[in-house]
Amino acid sequence: MKAAILRGLGATALVAACAPAATESQGRETPTQVRRIIAEAVCLAEAYPGTAIAADSADVIAVYQGSLGDAITTRELAVVRALAKAAKPSAPTPVGDRNFAIARCVLFAERPDVVKALGGP
């Protein structure tokens, strides 16, 4: 039964990606990835204040902020929070009145001003 379920290419890829050898070989996040993770977490916390997502985002920031040593200060986080607030990630779309905050936060993390605020190149 399990073999029949796992035959599809998507399931095979999922199993391969989740295998311990695959995840252990990937190593730690790079400084660029850490900055992106923090920026997305800040943006999601702004998009969904007072929710489990915001609480999770705060935990993510707390864990990853220290992973770069003193590279990301509370002042720099405040700058990124202000940029996220100005970006209004939870604003409804013009068509369909939908919230695309997750997609907006991914793009937010790539903005040059956000990367620079977090000490990136």
Protein backbone atom coordinates (compact mmCIF):
# COMPACT_ATOMS: atom_id res chain seq x y z
CA MET A 1 0.00 0.00 0.00
CA LYS A 2 2.72 2.50 0.97
CA ALA A 3 4.70 1.63 -2.15
CA ALA A 4 1.68 2.41 -4.30
CA ILE A 5 1.23 5.78 -2.62
CA LEU A 6 4.90 6.72 -2.97
CA ARG A 7 5.24 5.82 -6.65
CA GLY A 8 4.33 9.30 -7.92
CA LEU A 9 7.22 11.59 -8.75
CA GLY A 10 6.01 14.26 -6.30
CA ALA A 11 5.85 11.81 -3.42
CA THR A 12 9.27 10.42 -4.30
CA ALA A 13 10.74 13.91 -4.31
CA LEU A 14 9.07 14.69 -0.99
CA VAL A 15 10.43 11.55 0.62
CA ALA A 16 13.90 12.24 -0.76
CA ALA A 17 13.86 15.83 0.45
CA CYS A 18 12.75 14.81 3.94
CA ALA A 19 15.22 11.99 4.33
CA PRO A 20 17.74 12.58 7.15
CA ALA A 21 20.74 12.29 4.82
CA ALA A 22 19.34 15.01 2.56
CA THR A 23 18.56 17.48 5.32
CA GLU A 24 21.79 16.87 7.23
CA SER A 25 23.91 17.38 4.13
CA GLN A 26 22.40 20.81 3.50
CA GLY A 27 24.22 22.31 6.48
CA ARG A 28 23.43 25.55 8.26
CA GLU A 29 21.77 28.52 6.62
CA THR A 30 24.01 31.06 4.94
CA PRO A 31 24.04 34.67 6.19
CA THR A 32 21.99 35.63 3.11
CA GLN A 33 19.39 32.98 3.94
CA VAL A 34 19.29 34.10 7.58
CA ARG A 35 18.64 37.69 6.53
CA ARG A 36 15.86 36.54 4.20
CA ILE A 37 14.27 34.40 6.92
CA ILE A 38 14.33 37.30 9.38
CA ALA A 39 12.90 39.75 6.84
CA GLU A 40 10.07 37.38 5.93
CA ALA A 41 9.31 36.76 9.60
CA VAL A 42 9.17 40.49 10.33
CA CYS A 43 6.87 41.02 7.36
CA LEU A 44 4.55 38.13 8.31
CA ALA A 45 4.31 39.42 11.88
CA GLU A 46 3.23 42.78 10.46
CA ALA A 47 0.74 41.12 8.12
CA TYR A 48 -0.88 38.96 10.81
CA PRO A 49 -0.57 40.81 14.15
CA GLY A 50 -1.84 39.05 17.25
CA THR A 51 -1.99 35.64 15.57
CA ALA A 52 -0.10 32.38 15.88
CA ILE A 53 1.82 33.43 12.76
CA ALA A 54 3.03 36.57 14.52
CA ALA A 55 4.06 34.56 17.58
CA ASP A 56 5.91 32.06 15.41
CA SER A 57 7.57 34.92 13.55
CA ALA A 58 8.81 36.40 16.82
CA ASP A 59 10.34 33.04 17.76
CA VAL A 60 11.97 32.71 14.34
CA ILE A 61 13.48 36.19 14.67
CA ALA A 62 14.76 35.44 18.17
CA VAL A 63 16.46 32.23 17.05
CA TYR A 64 17.96 33.53 13.81
CA GLN A 65 18.95 37.01 14.99
CA GLY A 66 21.67 35.55 17.18
CA SER A 67 22.93 33.17 14.52
CA LEU A 68 24.89 35.95 12.83
CA GLY A 69 26.49 37.13 16.05
CA ASP A 70 25.93 40.85 16.57
CA ALA A 71 25.31 41.43 12.87
CA ILE A 72 21.59 42.22 13.26
CA THR A 73 20.81 44.69 16.01
CA THR A 74 17.47 45.68 17.49
CA ARG A 75 17.85 49.02 15.71
CA GLU A 76 18.17 47.27 12.36
CA LEU A 77 15.14 45.13 13.17
CA ALA A 78 13.20 48.31 13.98
CA VAL A 79 14.11 49.71 10.55
CA VAL A 80 12.91 46.50 8.86
CA ARG A 81 9.69 46.56 10.91
CA ALA A 82 9.05 50.12 9.75
CA LEU A 83 9.68 49.10 6.14
CA ALA A 84 7.30 46.14 6.56
CA LYS A 85 4.61 48.36 8.05
CA ALA A 86 4.97 50.80 5.14
CA ALA A 87 4.75 47.89 2.67
CA LYS A 88 1.28 46.96 4.01
CA PRO A 89 1.67 43.24 3.25
CA SER A 90 -1.88 42.37 4.29
CA ALA A 91 -3.56 45.00 2.14
CA PRO A 92 -6.21 43.45 -0.09
CA THR A 93 -5.47 43.06 -3.77
CA PRO A 94 -7.26 45.37 -6.21
CA VAL A 95 -8.98 42.42 -7.87
CA GLY A 96 -10.72 39.83 -5.75
CA ASP A 97 -10.10 41.52 -2.40
CA ARG A 98 -7.62 38.82 -1.37
CA ASN A 99 -4.67 38.99 0.99
CA PHE A 100 -1.41 37.91 -0.66
CA ALA A 101 0.77 38.64 2.38
CA ILE A 102 2.83 35.47 2.12
CA ALA A 103 3.83 36.25 -1.46
CA ARG A 104 4.37 39.91 -0.63
CA CYS A 105 6.62 38.98 2.30
CA VAL A 106 8.77 36.73 0.11
CA LEU A 107 9.27 39.64 -2.27
CA PHE A 108 9.73 42.07 0.64
CA ALA A 109 12.70 40.05 1.88
CA GLU A 110 14.42 40.49 -1.49
CA ARG A 111 14.12 44.26 -1.61
CA PRO A 112 17.54 45.96 -1.68
CA ASP A 113 16.60 48.39 1.13
CA VAL A 114 15.55 45.49 3.37
CA VAL A 115 18.68 43.47 2.60
CA LYS A 116 20.84 46.52 3.31
CA ALA A 117 18.99 47.28 6.56
CA LEU A 118 19.88 43.79 7.77
CA GLY A 119 23.55 44.25 6.95
CA GLY A 120 23.55 42.54 3.59
CA PRO A 121 25.48 43.59 0.52
